[in-house]
Amino acid sequence: MGLLTLEHSKAAYRADFALHGMAMLGLAGWLIGASPREERLELMCVALIGLLGWTAVEYVLHRFLLHGLRPFRDWHAQHHQRPKALIYAPTVLIALCFAAGVALPAWAVFNEWVAGALTLGLLCGYGIYSVTHHATHHWHGAGLWLKRRKHWHAVHHHQVPPACYGVTTQIWDHVFGTQGPSRAVDASPSWSRCAIGASPPTGRAD
């Protein structure tokens, strides 16, 4: 369960994180060990671009795919209805998206090294997103940064119309004006200790 299904078992859910970590380590090891030495600085920059670019990809996918197009919208609605359930994109689907949507096109346009570096950067971004999204729903202890993310994501789950599409950052919501009201009605779910109606924690902004 999990490789091809939306709702994962606990074992499949953990295996998905493990497989993702192995993919990142394997790709990083291949680039470090096999890429031309004179191109490694450039490849590091490409990987960084991929990592930073993930924030925009995350926003676009969440707003326009998961809240816009069927069947993805219907799948994502299940997560909104049962936020504590281990509902996640099927592992095989994610792997195909990275292969067909990132690695192969980049290889065709550039070369295998650029394709690998870009894929690694986006994989790392997706990994950070996955851990952050899991933490907003399942982790109880939280520092200032995670409290902000919990608050932001709680608004997303309860605001009508939807807002706050970013999970790892709120930058793109501010850019495109989808950050929602500054103070929303208190509809805090049990998985978030940060009430929506309360002001977000003070301190350094994201």
N, C-alpha and C. Protein backbone atom coordinates (compact mmCIF):
# COMPACT_ATOMS: atom_id res chain seq x y z
N MET A 1 0.84 -1.19 0.00
CA MET A 1 0.00 0.00 0.00
C MET A 1 0.88 1.24 0.00
N GLY A 2 0.52 2.24 -0.82
CA GLY A 2 1.28 3.48 -0.84
C GLY A 2 1.98 3.73 -2.16
N LEU A 3 2.54 2.65 -2.74
CA LEU A 3 3.23 2.85 -4.01
C LEU A 3 2.26 3.27 -5.09
N LEU A 4 1.01 2.77 -5.03
CA LEU A 4 0.03 3.06 -6.07
C LEU A 4 -1.27 3.62 -5.51
N THR A 5 -1.36 3.87 -4.20
CA THR A 5 -2.60 4.31 -3.60
C THR A 5 -2.43 5.66 -2.93
N LEU A 6 -3.57 6.35 -2.73
CA LEU A 6 -3.54 7.64 -2.06
C LEU A 6 -3.30 7.51 -0.57
N GLU A 7 -4.04 6.60 0.06
CA GLU A 7 -3.91 6.45 1.51
C GLU A 7 -2.87 5.39 1.81
N HIS A 8 -1.83 5.79 2.52
CA HIS A 8 -0.71 4.91 2.81
C HIS A 8 -0.90 4.20 4.16
N SER A 9 -0.38 3.01 4.24
CA SER A 9 -0.21 2.39 5.54
C SER A 9 0.97 3.08 6.23
N LYS A 10 1.12 2.88 7.54
CA LYS A 10 2.25 3.49 8.24
C LYS A 10 3.57 3.02 7.66
N ALA A 11 3.65 1.73 7.33
CA ALA A 11 4.89 1.19 6.78
C ALA A 11 5.20 1.81 5.42
N ALA A 12 4.18 1.92 4.57
CA ALA A 12 4.38 2.50 3.24
C ALA A 12 4.72 3.98 3.33
N TYR A 13 4.10 4.66 4.27
CA TYR A 13 4.36 6.09 4.47
C TYR A 13 5.81 6.32 4.86
N ARG A 14 6.30 5.50 5.78
CA ARG A 14 7.70 5.62 6.19
C ARG A 14 8.64 5.19 5.07
N ALA A 15 8.24 4.16 4.33
CA ALA A 15 9.06 3.69 3.22
C ALA A 15 9.18 4.76 2.15
N ASP A 16 8.12 5.54 1.95
CA ASP A 16 8.15 6.60 0.96
C ASP A 16 9.21 7.64 1.31
N PHE A 17 9.28 8.01 2.59
CA PHE A 17 10.30 8.95 3.03
C PHE A 17 11.69 8.34 2.86
N ALA A 18 11.81 7.06 3.18
CA ALA A 18 13.10 6.39 3.04
C ALA A 18 13.54 6.33 1.58
N LEU A 19 12.63 5.98 0.70
CA LEU A 19 12.96 5.91 -0.73
C LEU A 19 13.35 7.27 -1.27
N HIS A 20 12.66 8.30 -0.80
CA HIS A 20 12.99 9.65 -1.24
C HIS A 20 14.40 10.02 -0.79
N GLY A 21 14.72 9.72 0.46
CA GLY A 21 16.06 10.01 0.95
C GLY A 21 17.13 9.25 0.20
N MET A 22 16.86 7.99 -0.12
CA MET A 22 17.81 7.18 -0.88
C MET A 22 18.01 7.75 -2.28
N ALA A 23 16.93 8.22 -2.89
CA ALA A 23 17.03 8.81 -4.23
C ALA A 23 17.91 10.06 -4.21
N MET A 24 17.73 10.90 -3.20
CA MET A 24 18.55 12.11 -3.10
C MET A 24 20.02 11.77 -2.87
N LEU A 25 20.27 10.85 -1.95
CA LEU A 25 21.66 10.47 -1.67
C LEU A 25 22.31 9.82 -2.88
N GLY A 26 21.56 8.95 -3.55
CA GLY A 26 22.11 8.28 -4.72
C GLY A 26 22.43 9.24 -5.84
N LEU A 27 21.52 10.18 -6.09
CA LEU A 27 21.74 11.16 -7.15
C LEU A 27 22.89 12.09 -6.81
N ALA A 28 22.95 12.52 -5.53
CA ALA A 28 24.06 13.38 -5.11
C ALA A 28 25.39 12.64 -5.22
N GLY A 29 25.42 11.38 -4.81
CA GLY A 29 26.64 10.59 -4.92
C GLY A 29 27.09 10.41 -6.35
N TRP A 30 26.13 10.18 -7.25
CA TRP A 30 26.47 10.03 -8.67
C TRP A 30 27.05 11.32 -9.24
N LEU A 31 26.45 12.46 -8.89
CA LEU A 31 26.94 13.73 -9.41
C LEU A 31 28.34 14.05 -8.86
N ILE A 32 28.54 13.79 -7.57
CA ILE A 32 29.85 14.08 -6.97
C ILE A 32 30.93 13.15 -7.52
N GLY A 33 30.57 11.90 -7.71
CA GLY A 33 31.58 10.93 -8.12
C GLY A 33 31.83 10.83 -9.60
N ALA A 34 30.85 11.18 -10.42
CA ALA A 34 30.99 10.93 -11.85
C ALA A 34 31.00 12.17 -12.73
N SER A 35 30.51 13.30 -12.23
CA SER A 35 30.43 14.50 -13.08
C SER A 35 31.82 15.07 -13.33
N PRO A 36 32.01 15.76 -14.47
CA PRO A 36 33.30 16.39 -14.75
C PRO A 36 33.67 17.41 -13.67
N ARG A 37 34.87 17.34 -13.19
CA ARG A 37 35.30 18.20 -12.08
C ARG A 37 35.12 19.68 -12.42
N GLU A 38 35.42 20.06 -13.66
CA GLU A 38 35.34 21.48 -14.04
C GLU A 38 33.90 22.00 -14.10
N GLU A 39 32.95 21.12 -14.08
CA GLU A 39 31.54 21.53 -14.15
C GLU A 39 30.84 21.50 -12.80
N ARG A 40 31.51 21.12 -11.75
CA ARG A 40 30.82 20.89 -10.48
C ARG A 40 30.29 22.16 -9.84
N LEU A 41 31.00 23.27 -9.95
CA LEU A 41 30.49 24.53 -9.41
C LEU A 41 29.21 24.93 -10.13
N GLU A 42 29.22 24.79 -11.44
CA GLU A 42 28.02 25.09 -12.21
C GLU A 42 26.86 24.17 -11.81
N LEU A 43 27.17 22.91 -11.61
CA LEU A 43 26.12 21.96 -11.23
C LEU A 43 25.57 22.25 -9.83
N MET A 44 26.42 22.73 -8.93
CA MET A 44 25.95 23.13 -7.61
C MET A 44 24.97 24.29 -7.73
N CYS A 45 25.26 25.22 -8.62
CA CYS A 45 24.37 26.36 -8.84
C CYS A 45 23.04 25.90 -9.42
N VAL A 46 23.10 24.95 -10.34
CA VAL A 46 21.87 24.41 -10.93
C VAL A 46 21.02 23.73 -9.86
N ALA A 47 21.67 22.96 -9.00
CA ALA A 47 20.94 22.28 -7.91
C ALA A 47 20.31 23.31 -6.98
N LEU A 48 21.02 24.40 -6.69
CA LEU A 48 20.48 25.45 -5.83
C LEU A 48 19.28 26.12 -6.49
N ILE A 49 19.37 26.34 -7.79
CA ILE A 49 18.23 26.90 -8.54
C ILE A 49 17.02 25.98 -8.42
N GLY A 50 17.26 24.68 -8.56
CA GLY A 50 16.18 23.72 -8.42
C GLY A 50 15.57 23.75 -7.04
N LEU A 51 16.42 23.83 -6.00
CA LEU A 51 15.94 23.87 -4.62
C LEU A 51 15.08 25.10 -4.38
N LEU A 52 15.57 26.28 -4.79
CA LEU A 52 14.80 27.51 -4.60
C LEU A 52 13.57 27.54 -5.49
N GLY A 53 13.72 26.98 -6.70
CA GLY A 53 12.60 26.95 -7.63
C GLY A 53 11.46 26.09 -7.16
N TRP A 54 11.76 25.12 -6.27
CA TRP A 54 10.70 24.25 -5.77
C TRP A 54 9.59 25.06 -5.10
N THR A 55 9.94 26.17 -4.42
CA THR A 55 8.91 26.93 -3.72
C THR A 55 7.83 27.42 -4.68
N ALA A 56 8.24 27.82 -5.89
CA ALA A 56 7.27 28.26 -6.89
C ALA A 56 6.49 27.07 -7.45
N VAL A 57 7.19 25.96 -7.67
CA VAL A 57 6.53 24.75 -8.16
C VAL A 57 5.48 24.28 -7.16
N GLU A 58 5.86 24.28 -5.88
CA GLU A 58 4.94 23.88 -4.81
C GLU A 58 3.68 24.72 -4.83
N TYR A 59 3.84 26.03 -4.95
CA TYR A 59 2.70 26.94 -4.95
C TYR A 59 1.79 26.68 -6.16
N VAL A 60 2.38 26.59 -7.33
CA VAL A 60 1.60 26.40 -8.56
C VAL A 60 0.84 25.08 -8.53
N LEU A 61 1.53 24.00 -8.13
CA LEU A 61 0.87 22.69 -8.08
C LEU A 61 -0.26 22.69 -7.07
N HIS A 62 -0.03 23.27 -5.90
CA HIS A 62 -1.05 23.26 -4.84
C HIS A 62 -2.25 24.10 -5.25
N ARG A 63 -2.00 25.27 -5.80
CA ARG A 63 -3.11 26.16 -6.13
C ARG A 63 -3.87 25.72 -7.37
N PHE A 64 -3.17 25.41 -8.44
CA PHE A 64 -3.84 25.20 -9.73
C PHE A 64 -4.10 23.74 -10.07
N LEU A 65 -3.32 22.82 -9.49
CA LEU A 65 -3.55 21.40 -9.75
C LEU A 65 -4.40 20.78 -8.65
N LEU A 66 -3.93 20.86 -7.42
CA LEU A 66 -4.63 20.19 -6.33
C LEU A 66 -5.93 20.88 -5.94
N HIS A 67 -6.06 22.16 -6.28
CA HIS A 67 -7.32 22.86 -6.00
C HIS A 67 -8.02 23.28 -7.28
N GLY A 68 -7.56 22.75 -8.43
CA GLY A 68 -8.17 23.19 -9.68
C GLY A 68 -8.62 22.10 -10.63
N LEU A 69 -7.80 21.09 -10.81
CA LEU A 69 -8.07 20.10 -11.86
C LEU A 69 -8.44 18.74 -11.29
N ARG A 70 -9.44 18.13 -11.88
CA ARG A 70 -9.77 16.75 -11.53
C ARG A 70 -8.89 15.80 -12.32
N PRO A 71 -8.55 14.63 -11.77
CA PRO A 71 -9.00 14.09 -10.48
C PRO A 71 -8.19 14.57 -9.28
N PHE A 72 -7.16 15.40 -9.54
CA PHE A 72 -6.28 15.82 -8.44
C PHE A 72 -7.04 16.59 -7.37
N ARG A 73 -7.98 17.42 -7.81
CA ARG A 73 -8.78 18.19 -6.85
C ARG A 73 -9.57 17.27 -5.93
N ASP A 74 -10.15 16.22 -6.51
CA ASP A 74 -10.92 15.27 -5.71
C ASP A 74 -10.03 14.50 -4.74
N TRP A 75 -8.83 14.13 -5.20
CA TRP A 75 -7.89 13.43 -4.33
C TRP A 75 -7.49 14.31 -3.16
N HIS A 76 -7.18 15.58 -3.47
CA HIS A 76 -6.72 16.49 -2.42
C HIS A 76 -7.84 16.81 -1.43
N ALA A 77 -9.08 16.79 -1.91
CA ALA A 77 -10.21 17.04 -1.02
C ALA A 77 -10.27 16.00 0.10
N GLN A 78 -9.84 14.79 -0.20
CA GLN A 78 -9.82 13.75 0.84
C GLN A 78 -8.87 14.13 1.97
N HIS A 79 -7.74 14.73 1.60
CA HIS A 79 -6.80 15.19 2.63
C HIS A 79 -7.41 16.29 3.47
N HIS A 80 -8.13 17.22 2.85
CA HIS A 80 -8.77 18.29 3.61
C HIS A 80 -9.84 17.75 4.55
N GLN A 81 -10.54 16.71 4.12
CA GLN A 81 -11.59 16.13 4.94
C GLN A 81 -11.02 15.32 6.11
N ARG A 82 -9.86 14.68 5.90
CA ARG A 82 -9.24 13.85 6.94
C ARG A 82 -7.75 14.20 7.04
N PRO A 83 -7.43 15.35 7.61
CA PRO A 83 -6.05 15.84 7.61
C PRO A 83 -5.07 14.98 8.39
N LYS A 84 -5.54 14.15 9.31
CA LYS A 84 -4.64 13.31 10.07
C LYS A 84 -4.37 11.97 9.38
N ALA A 85 -5.17 11.63 8.38
CA ALA A 85 -4.96 10.38 7.64
C ALA A 85 -3.68 10.48 6.81
N LEU A 86 -3.07 9.36 6.55
CA LEU A 86 -1.82 9.33 5.77
C LEU A 86 -2.14 9.30 4.28
N ILE A 87 -2.77 10.37 3.84
CA ILE A 87 -3.14 10.52 2.43
C ILE A 87 -2.05 11.33 1.74
N TYR A 88 -1.50 10.74 0.71
CA TYR A 88 -0.33 11.34 0.06
C TYR A 88 -0.31 10.88 -1.39
N ALA A 89 0.34 11.64 -2.24
CA ALA A 89 0.43 11.24 -3.64
C ALA A 89 1.11 9.88 -3.76
N PRO A 90 0.61 8.99 -4.62
CA PRO A 90 1.25 7.68 -4.78
C PRO A 90 2.72 7.81 -5.15
N THR A 91 3.54 7.00 -4.55
CA THR A 91 4.99 7.06 -4.77
C THR A 91 5.36 6.92 -6.24
N VAL A 92 4.70 6.00 -6.93
CA VAL A 92 5.00 5.77 -8.34
C VAL A 92 4.69 7.03 -9.15
N LEU A 93 3.57 7.70 -8.83
CA LEU A 93 3.20 8.92 -9.55
C LEU A 93 4.24 10.01 -9.36
N ILE A 94 4.71 10.18 -8.13
CA ILE A 94 5.73 11.19 -7.86
C ILE A 94 7.02 10.88 -8.64
N ALA A 95 7.43 9.61 -8.63
CA ALA A 95 8.64 9.22 -9.35
C ALA A 95 8.50 9.50 -10.85
N LEU A 96 7.34 9.18 -11.41
CA LEU A 96 7.10 9.43 -12.84
C LEU A 96 7.12 10.92 -13.15
N CYS A 97 6.56 11.73 -12.26
CA CYS A 97 6.55 13.17 -12.48
C CYS A 97 7.97 13.74 -12.50
N PHE A 98 8.81 13.29 -11.59
CA PHE A 98 10.19 13.77 -11.57
C PHE A 98 10.96 13.29 -12.80
N ALA A 99 10.71 12.05 -13.19
CA ALA A 99 11.43 11.51 -14.35
C ALA A 99 10.97 12.16 -15.65
N ALA A 100 9.64 12.17 -15.87
CA ALA A 100 9.11 12.67 -17.14
C ALA A 100 9.00 14.19 -17.19
N GLY A 101 8.83 14.81 -16.03
CA GLY A 101 8.63 16.25 -16.01
C GLY A 101 9.87 17.07 -15.77
N VAL A 102 10.93 16.44 -15.24
CA VAL A 102 12.15 17.19 -14.92
C VAL A 102 13.38 16.55 -15.57
N ALA A 103 13.71 15.33 -15.18
CA ALA A 103 14.97 14.73 -15.58
C ALA A 103 15.09 14.55 -17.09
N LEU A 104 14.11 13.92 -17.72
CA LEU A 104 14.21 13.65 -19.16
C LEU A 104 14.19 14.93 -20.01
N PRO A 105 13.29 15.88 -19.76
CA PRO A 105 13.35 17.12 -20.54
C PRO A 105 14.67 17.88 -20.36
N ALA A 106 15.17 17.95 -19.13
CA ALA A 106 16.44 18.65 -18.90
C ALA A 106 17.59 17.93 -19.59
N TRP A 107 17.55 16.61 -19.59
CA TRP A 107 18.59 15.84 -20.29
C TRP A 107 18.54 16.10 -21.78
N ALA A 108 17.32 16.18 -22.33
CA ALA A 108 17.17 16.42 -23.77
C ALA A 108 17.66 17.81 -24.17
N VAL A 109 17.42 18.79 -23.31
CA VAL A 109 17.80 20.17 -23.63
C VAL A 109 19.26 20.44 -23.30
N PHE A 110 19.75 19.92 -22.19
CA PHE A 110 21.11 20.20 -21.75
C PHE A 110 21.97 18.94 -21.84
N ASN A 111 22.22 18.30 -20.71
CA ASN A 111 22.97 17.04 -20.68
C ASN A 111 22.61 16.31 -19.40
N GLU A 112 23.20 15.14 -19.22
CA GLU A 112 22.81 14.32 -18.07
C GLU A 112 23.21 14.96 -16.74
N TRP A 113 24.31 15.76 -16.74
CA TRP A 113 24.77 16.36 -15.49
C TRP A 113 23.84 17.47 -15.04
N VAL A 114 23.45 18.33 -15.95
CA VAL A 114 22.50 19.40 -15.62
C VAL A 114 21.16 18.80 -15.21
N ALA A 115 20.74 17.78 -15.94
CA ALA A 115 19.48 17.11 -15.61
C ALA A 115 19.53 16.53 -14.20
N GLY A 116 20.64 15.90 -13.86
CA GLY A 116 20.78 15.32 -12.54
C GLY A 116 20.80 16.37 -11.45
N ALA A 117 21.51 17.47 -11.69
CA ALA A 117 21.61 18.53 -10.69
C ALA A 117 20.27 19.22 -10.47
N LEU A 118 19.56 19.51 -11.55
CA LEU A 118 18.25 20.15 -11.43
C LEU A 118 17.27 19.23 -10.71
N THR A 119 17.30 17.96 -11.08
CA THR A 119 16.42 16.99 -10.42
C THR A 119 16.75 16.88 -8.94
N LEU A 120 18.03 16.88 -8.61
CA LEU A 120 18.44 16.80 -7.20
C LEU A 120 17.92 18.00 -6.41
N GLY A 121 18.07 19.19 -6.97
CA GLY A 121 17.60 20.39 -6.29
C GLY A 121 16.10 20.35 -6.03
N LEU A 122 15.33 19.94 -7.04
CA LEU A 122 13.89 19.86 -6.88
C LEU A 122 13.50 18.74 -5.92
N LEU A 123 14.23 17.62 -5.97
CA LEU A 123 13.98 16.53 -5.02
C LEU A 123 14.21 16.98 -3.59
N CYS A 124 15.26 17.75 -3.37
CA CYS A 124 15.53 18.26 -2.02
C CYS A 124 14.41 19.20 -1.59
N GLY A 125 13.95 20.05 -2.50
CA GLY A 125 12.84 20.93 -2.18
C GLY A 125 11.58 20.15 -1.84
N TYR A 126 11.31 19.12 -2.62
CA TYR A 126 10.15 18.28 -2.37
C TYR A 126 10.29 17.54 -1.03
N GLY A 127 11.51 17.14 -0.72
CA GLY A 127 11.75 16.48 0.56
C GLY A 127 11.47 17.42 1.73
N ILE A 128 11.92 18.66 1.62
CA ILE A 128 11.66 19.64 2.68
C ILE A 128 10.16 19.88 2.80
N TYR A 129 9.49 19.98 1.65
CA TYR A 129 8.03 20.14 1.66
C TYR A 129 7.35 18.97 2.37
N SER A 130 7.76 17.75 2.04
CA SER A 130 7.13 16.56 2.61
C SER A 130 7.27 16.52 4.13
N VAL A 131 8.48 16.82 4.61
CA VAL A 131 8.71 16.81 6.05
C VAL A 131 7.92 17.94 6.71
N THR A 132 7.91 19.12 6.09
CA THR A 132 7.18 20.25 6.66
C THR A 132 5.68 19.97 6.72
N HIS A 133 5.14 19.43 5.63
CA HIS A 133 3.70 19.14 5.61
C HIS A 133 3.35 18.08 6.65
N HIS A 134 4.19 17.06 6.77
CA HIS A 134 3.96 16.05 7.81
C HIS A 134 3.99 16.69 9.19
N ALA A 135 4.97 17.57 9.41
CA ALA A 135 5.12 18.20 10.72
C ALA A 135 3.92 19.06 11.08
N THR A 136 3.34 19.77 10.09
CA THR A 136 2.21 20.65 10.40
C THR A 136 1.00 19.84 10.87
N HIS A 137 0.91 18.60 10.46
CA HIS A 137 -0.24 17.77 10.82
C HIS A 137 0.02 16.81 11.98
N HIS A 138 1.28 16.43 12.20
CA HIS A 138 1.54 15.32 13.12
C HIS A 138 2.52 15.63 14.24
N TRP A 139 3.31 16.69 14.15
CA TRP A 139 4.26 16.99 15.20
C TRP A 139 3.62 17.94 16.20
N HIS A 140 3.82 17.66 17.49
CA HIS A 140 3.23 18.49 18.54
C HIS A 140 4.20 19.58 19.00
N GLY A 141 5.43 19.23 19.28
CA GLY A 141 6.41 20.23 19.66
C GLY A 141 6.78 21.07 18.46
N ALA A 142 7.00 22.36 18.67
CA ALA A 142 7.29 23.21 17.51
C ALA A 142 8.09 24.44 17.93
N GLY A 143 9.08 24.78 17.13
CA GLY A 143 9.78 26.04 17.29
C GLY A 143 9.00 27.14 16.59
N LEU A 144 9.57 28.34 16.58
CA LEU A 144 8.88 29.49 16.01
C LEU A 144 8.55 29.27 14.53
N TRP A 145 9.53 28.76 13.75
CA TRP A 145 9.29 28.58 12.31
C TRP A 145 8.15 27.61 12.07
N LEU A 146 8.15 26.46 12.77
CA LEU A 146 7.11 25.47 12.55
C LEU A 146 5.76 25.97 13.06
N LYS A 147 5.75 26.74 14.14
CA LYS A 147 4.48 27.32 14.61
C LYS A 147 3.88 28.21 13.53
N ARG A 148 4.72 28.97 12.85
CA ARG A 148 4.23 29.80 11.76
C ARG A 148 3.67 28.94 10.63
N ARG A 149 4.36 27.87 10.32
CA ARG A 149 3.89 27.00 9.24
C ARG A 149 2.58 26.31 9.64
N LYS A 150 2.45 25.91 10.90
CA LYS A 150 1.21 25.30 11.38
C LYS A 150 0.06 26.29 11.25
N HIS A 151 0.28 27.51 11.70
CA HIS A 151 -0.74 28.54 11.61
C HIS A 151 -1.15 28.77 10.15
N TRP A 152 -0.17 28.93 9.30
CA TRP A 152 -0.40 29.21 7.88
C TRP A 152 -1.19 28.07 7.23
N HIS A 153 -0.80 26.84 7.52
CA HIS A 153 -1.45 25.70 6.89
C HIS A 153 -2.84 25.46 7.48
N ALA A 154 -3.03 25.79 8.74
CA ALA A 154 -4.36 25.69 9.34
C ALA A 154 -5.33 26.66 8.67
N VAL A 155 -4.85 27.87 8.36
CA VAL A 155 -5.67 28.83 7.62
C VAL A 155 -6.06 28.23 6.27
N HIS A 156 -5.09 27.61 5.60
CA HIS A 156 -5.37 27.02 4.29
C HIS A 156 -6.49 25.98 4.38
N HIS A 157 -6.47 25.17 5.41
CA HIS A 157 -7.45 24.09 5.52
C HIS A 157 -8.85 24.60 5.85
N HIS A 158 -8.97 25.80 6.39
CA HIS A 158 -10.27 26.25 6.87
C HIS A 158 -10.75 27.55 6.24
N GLN A 159 -9.92 28.23 5.49
CA GLN A 159 -10.33 29.49 4.89
C GLN A 159 -11.18 29.25 3.65
N VAL A 160 -12.26 30.01 3.49
CA VAL A 160 -13.11 29.96 2.30
C VAL A 160 -13.24 31.38 1.77
N PRO A 161 -12.86 31.62 0.48
CA PRO A 161 -12.23 30.67 -0.45
C PRO A 161 -10.81 30.33 0.00
N PRO A 162 -10.24 29.25 -0.58
CA PRO A 162 -8.93 28.80 -0.15
C PRO A 162 -7.86 29.88 -0.25
N ALA A 163 -6.91 29.82 0.65
CA ALA A 163 -5.79 30.75 0.67
C ALA A 163 -4.58 30.02 1.23
N CYS A 164 -3.46 30.72 1.31
CA CYS A 164 -2.25 30.19 1.94
C CYS A 164 -1.83 28.85 1.32
N TYR A 165 -1.51 28.86 0.05
CA TYR A 165 -1.16 27.63 -0.66
C TYR A 165 0.26 27.17 -0.38
N GLY A 166 1.14 28.07 -0.03
CA GLY A 166 2.51 27.67 0.27
C GLY A 166 2.58 26.87 1.55
N VAL A 167 3.42 25.85 1.56
CA VAL A 167 3.61 25.03 2.76
C VAL A 167 4.96 25.33 3.40
N THR A 168 6.01 25.34 2.60
CA THR A 168 7.35 25.61 3.13
C THR A 168 7.63 27.10 3.28
N THR A 169 6.92 27.93 2.52
CA THR A 169 7.12 29.37 2.59
C THR A 169 5.83 30.07 2.19
N GLN A 170 5.66 31.30 2.64
CA GLN A 170 4.49 32.07 2.27
C GLN A 170 4.81 33.16 1.26
N ILE A 171 6.01 33.14 0.71
CA ILE A 171 6.45 34.19 -0.20
C ILE A 171 5.50 34.34 -1.38
N TRP A 172 5.18 33.23 -2.05
CA TRP A 172 4.39 33.31 -3.29
C TRP A 172 2.95 33.68 -3.00
N ASP A 173 2.44 33.35 -1.82
CA ASP A 173 1.09 33.81 -1.47
C ASP A 173 1.05 35.33 -1.35
N HIS A 174 2.11 35.92 -0.81
CA HIS A 174 2.16 37.38 -0.72
C HIS A 174 2.34 37.99 -2.12
N VAL A 175 3.13 37.36 -2.95
CA VAL A 175 3.34 37.88 -4.31
C VAL A 175 2.04 37.90 -5.09
N PHE A 176 1.25 36.82 -4.99
CA PHE A 176 0.03 36.70 -5.79
C PHE A 176 -1.24 37.02 -5.01
N GLY A 177 -1.11 37.52 -3.80
CA GLY A 177 -2.27 37.99 -3.06
C GLY A 177 -3.21 36.91 -2.58
N THR A 178 -2.67 35.74 -2.25
CA THR A 178 -3.51 34.64 -1.78
C THR A 178 -3.22 34.30 -0.32
N GLN A 179 -2.79 35.31 0.44
CA GLN A 179 -2.43 35.06 1.83
C GLN A 179 -3.64 35.07 2.75
N GLY A 180 -4.83 35.40 2.24
CA GLY A 180 -6.02 35.39 3.08
C GLY A 180 -6.06 36.60 3.99
N PRO A 181 -7.12 36.69 4.82
CA PRO A 181 -7.23 37.82 5.74
C PRO A 181 -6.17 37.77 6.83
N SER A 182 -5.84 38.91 7.37
CA SER A 182 -4.82 38.96 8.41
C SER A 182 -5.28 38.25 9.67
N ARG A 183 -6.58 38.26 9.93
CA ARG A 183 -7.13 37.54 11.08
C ARG A 183 -8.36 36.80 10.61
N ALA A 184 -8.33 35.47 10.67
CA ALA A 184 -9.43 34.65 10.21
C ALA A 184 -10.25 34.16 11.39
N VAL A 185 -11.43 33.65 11.11
CA VAL A 185 -12.27 33.08 12.15
C VAL A 185 -11.58 31.88 12.75
N ASP A 186 -11.68 31.74 14.07
CA ASP A 186 -11.02 30.63 14.75
C ASP A 186 -11.67 29.31 14.36
N ALA A 187 -10.92 28.50 13.60
CA ALA A 187 -11.40 27.18 13.20
C ALA A 187 -10.26 26.20 13.33
N SER A 188 -9.48 26.37 14.38
CA SER A 188 -8.26 25.60 14.53
C SER A 188 -8.53 24.12 14.68
N PRO A 189 -7.93 23.28 13.81
CA PRO A 189 -8.12 21.84 13.92
C PRO A 189 -7.31 21.27 15.07
N SER A 190 -7.59 20.05 15.44
CA SER A 190 -6.91 19.43 16.56
C SER A 190 -5.43 19.22 16.30
N TRP A 191 -5.03 19.12 15.01
CA TRP A 191 -3.63 18.87 14.72
C TRP A 191 -2.78 20.12 14.78
N SER A 192 -3.39 21.29 14.95
CA SER A 192 -2.61 22.52 15.03
C SER A 192 -2.82 23.18 16.37
N ARG A 193 -1.72 23.48 17.07
CA ARG A 193 -1.82 24.16 18.35
C ARG A 193 -1.88 25.67 18.17
N CYS A 194 -1.80 26.10 16.94
CA CYS A 194 -1.79 27.53 16.67
C CYS A 194 -3.16 27.91 16.15
N ALA A 195 -4.00 28.51 16.94
CA ALA A 195 -5.36 28.83 16.54
C ALA A 195 -5.35 29.82 15.40
N ILE A 196 -6.25 29.62 14.45
CA ILE A 196 -6.31 30.50 13.30
C ILE A 196 -6.71 31.91 13.72
N GLY A 197 -7.57 31.99 14.69
CA GLY A 197 -8.02 33.29 15.13
C GLY A 197 -6.98 34.05 15.90
N ALA A 198 -5.92 33.37 16.34
CA ALA A 198 -4.89 34.03 17.12
C ALA A 198 -3.85 34.64 16.20
N SER A 199 -3.17 35.66 16.66
CA SER A 199 -2.10 36.24 15.89
C SER A 199 -0.97 35.25 15.78
N PRO A 200 -0.31 35.16 14.63
CA PRO A 200 0.82 34.26 14.51
C PRO A 200 1.94 34.66 15.42
N PRO A 201 2.85 33.73 15.74
CA PRO A 201 3.94 34.04 16.66
C PRO A 201 4.76 35.20 16.17
N THR A 202 5.21 36.03 17.08
CA THR A 202 6.05 37.16 16.71
C THR A 202 7.48 36.69 16.56
N GLY A 203 8.26 37.49 15.86
CA GLY A 203 9.66 37.13 15.66
C GLY A 203 10.06 37.35 14.22
N ARG A 204 11.15 36.78 13.83
CA ARG A 204 11.67 36.96 12.48
C ARG A 204 10.73 36.39 11.46
N ALA A 205 10.42 37.14 10.42
CA ALA A 205 9.51 36.67 9.37
C ALA A 205 10.17 35.61 8.54
N ASP A 206 9.35 34.77 7.85
CA ASP A 206 9.89 33.70 7.00
C ASP A 206 10.61 34.31 5.81
